[in-house]
Amino acid sequence: MKKKITVYFTPISFEVELDDNLDNEEIEEEINRQVYDLQVDEITNDVDIDYWEY
């Protein structure tokens, strides 16, 4: 039997280093790059499962 579940994670906070001379769009792009490209493994290792449901 297969059941589909949804897992909810406790949010985590961390700091990213950004250049001072970026506009808003560049800031968003750089944060995305750091979160999704550079720190994704660290983030997934640090999160805790809050709860799950099916």
N, C-alpha and C. Protein backbone atom coordinates (compact mmCIF):
# COMPACT_ATOMS: atom_id res chain seq x y z
N MET A 1 0.84 -1.17 0.00
CA MET A 1 0.00 0.00 0.00
C MET A 1 0.89 1.24 0.00
N LYS A 2 0.51 2.22 -0.77
CA LYS A 2 1.22 3.50 -0.79
C LYS A 2 0.32 4.58 -0.22
N LYS A 3 0.91 5.43 0.56
CA LYS A 3 0.22 6.60 1.11
C LYS A 3 1.05 7.83 0.80
N LYS A 4 0.41 8.88 0.41
CA LYS A 4 1.10 10.14 0.19
C LYS A 4 1.08 10.93 1.50
N ILE A 5 2.23 11.42 1.92
CA ILE A 5 2.33 12.21 3.14
C ILE A 5 2.93 13.57 2.84
N THR A 6 2.69 14.49 3.73
CA THR A 6 3.30 15.81 3.66
C THR A 6 4.12 15.99 4.93
N VAL A 7 5.36 16.40 4.76
CA VAL A 7 6.26 16.60 5.89
C VAL A 7 6.49 18.10 6.04
N TYR A 8 6.32 18.59 7.26
CA TYR A 8 6.52 20.00 7.57
C TYR A 8 7.79 20.16 8.39
N PHE A 9 8.61 21.10 7.97
CA PHE A 9 9.89 21.32 8.63
C PHE A 9 9.85 22.60 9.44
N THR A 10 10.57 22.59 10.54
CA THR A 10 10.74 23.80 11.33
C THR A 10 11.66 24.74 10.55
N PRO A 11 11.26 25.99 10.39
CA PRO A 11 12.12 26.92 9.65
C PRO A 11 13.45 27.16 10.39
N ILE A 12 14.49 27.41 9.63
CA ILE A 12 15.77 27.79 10.21
C ILE A 12 16.16 29.16 9.67
N SER A 13 16.99 29.85 10.40
CA SER A 13 17.50 31.15 9.98
C SER A 13 19.01 31.08 9.91
N PHE A 14 19.56 31.77 8.95
CA PHE A 14 21.01 31.86 8.84
C PHE A 14 21.35 33.14 8.09
N GLU A 15 22.61 33.51 8.13
CA GLU A 15 23.05 34.73 7.48
C GLU A 15 23.72 34.42 6.16
N VAL A 16 23.56 35.33 5.21
CA VAL A 16 24.26 35.25 3.94
C VAL A 16 25.08 36.52 3.78
N GLU A 17 26.17 36.41 3.09
CA GLU A 17 27.05 37.55 2.85
C GLU A 17 26.73 38.13 1.47
N LEU A 18 26.43 39.44 1.44
CA LEU A 18 26.09 40.12 0.19
C LEU A 18 26.98 41.33 -0.02
N ASP A 19 27.26 41.63 -1.27
CA ASP A 19 27.99 42.86 -1.58
C ASP A 19 27.12 44.07 -1.26
N ASP A 20 27.74 45.17 -0.92
CA ASP A 20 27.01 46.38 -0.54
C ASP A 20 26.37 47.11 -1.72
N ASN A 21 26.88 46.91 -2.91
CA ASN A 21 26.45 47.72 -4.04
C ASN A 21 25.39 47.05 -4.91
N LEU A 22 24.58 46.16 -4.36
CA LEU A 22 23.57 45.46 -5.15
C LEU A 22 22.21 46.16 -5.05
N ASP A 23 21.48 46.15 -6.17
CA ASP A 23 20.10 46.66 -6.10
C ASP A 23 19.19 45.51 -5.63
N ASN A 24 17.91 45.79 -5.46
CA ASN A 24 16.99 44.81 -4.89
C ASN A 24 16.91 43.52 -5.71
N GLU A 25 16.88 43.65 -7.01
CA GLU A 25 16.81 42.46 -7.86
C GLU A 25 18.09 41.62 -7.74
N GLU A 26 19.23 42.27 -7.71
CA GLU A 26 20.50 41.56 -7.55
C GLU A 26 20.61 40.90 -6.18
N ILE A 27 20.06 41.55 -5.16
CA ILE A 27 20.06 40.97 -3.82
C ILE A 27 19.27 39.67 -3.83
N GLU A 28 18.08 39.70 -4.42
CA GLU A 28 17.25 38.50 -4.49
C GLU A 28 17.94 37.39 -5.27
N GLU A 29 18.55 37.74 -6.39
CA GLU A 29 19.26 36.74 -7.20
C GLU A 29 20.43 36.13 -6.42
N GLU A 30 21.15 36.94 -5.70
CA GLU A 30 22.30 36.44 -4.94
C GLU A 30 21.86 35.56 -3.77
N ILE A 31 20.79 35.95 -3.10
CA ILE A 31 20.27 35.11 -2.02
C ILE A 31 19.81 33.77 -2.59
N ASN A 32 19.09 33.79 -3.69
CA ASN A 32 18.67 32.54 -4.34
C ASN A 32 19.88 31.67 -4.69
N ARG A 33 20.90 32.27 -5.25
CA ARG A 33 22.09 31.52 -5.63
C ARG A 33 22.73 30.87 -4.40
N GLN A 34 22.86 31.63 -3.34
CA GLN A 34 23.49 31.09 -2.14
C GLN A 34 22.64 29.99 -1.50
N VAL A 35 21.35 30.21 -1.43
CA VAL A 35 20.47 29.23 -0.77
C VAL A 35 20.37 27.96 -1.61
N TYR A 36 20.08 28.09 -2.89
CA TYR A 36 19.80 26.91 -3.71
C TYR A 36 21.05 26.25 -4.27
N ASP A 37 22.11 27.01 -4.49
CA ASP A 37 23.32 26.43 -5.09
C ASP A 37 24.38 26.08 -4.06
N LEU A 38 24.59 26.95 -3.09
CA LEU A 38 25.73 26.78 -2.21
C LEU A 38 25.39 26.13 -0.87
N GLN A 39 24.24 26.44 -0.32
CA GLN A 39 23.96 26.03 1.06
C GLN A 39 22.84 25.00 1.19
N VAL A 40 22.35 24.46 0.09
CA VAL A 40 21.21 23.56 0.17
C VAL A 40 21.50 22.34 1.05
N ASP A 41 22.67 21.76 0.96
CA ASP A 41 23.01 20.59 1.78
C ASP A 41 23.08 20.96 3.26
N GLU A 42 23.68 22.08 3.56
CA GLU A 42 23.76 22.52 4.96
C GLU A 42 22.36 22.78 5.52
N ILE A 43 21.51 23.38 4.72
CA ILE A 43 20.15 23.68 5.16
C ILE A 43 19.39 22.39 5.44
N THR A 44 19.43 21.45 4.51
CA THR A 44 18.67 20.21 4.71
C THR A 44 19.22 19.39 5.86
N ASN A 45 20.50 19.51 6.15
CA ASN A 45 21.06 18.79 7.30
C ASN A 45 20.66 19.43 8.63
N ASP A 46 20.39 20.73 8.62
CA ASP A 46 20.09 21.45 9.86
C ASP A 46 18.61 21.46 10.23
N VAL A 47 17.72 21.19 9.29
CA VAL A 47 16.29 21.29 9.59
C VAL A 47 15.81 20.09 10.39
N ASP A 48 14.77 20.31 11.14
CA ASP A 48 14.12 19.25 11.89
C ASP A 48 12.70 19.08 11.37
N ILE A 49 12.22 17.87 11.38
CA ILE A 49 10.85 17.62 10.99
C ILE A 49 9.95 18.08 12.13
N ASP A 50 9.04 18.95 11.82
CA ASP A 50 8.11 19.47 12.81
C ASP A 50 6.96 18.47 13.01
N TYR A 51 6.32 18.08 11.93
CA TYR A 51 5.27 17.06 11.96
C TYR A 51 4.99 16.59 10.55
N TRP A 52 4.21 15.57 10.41
CA TRP A 52 3.80 15.06 9.11
C TRP A 52 2.33 14.69 9.19
N GLU A 53 1.70 14.62 8.00
CA GLU A 53 0.31 14.23 7.93
C GLU A 53 0.05 13.51 6.62
N TYR A 54 -1.02 12.73 6.58
CA TYR A 54 -1.42 12.08 5.33
C TYR A 54 -2.88 12.25 5.10
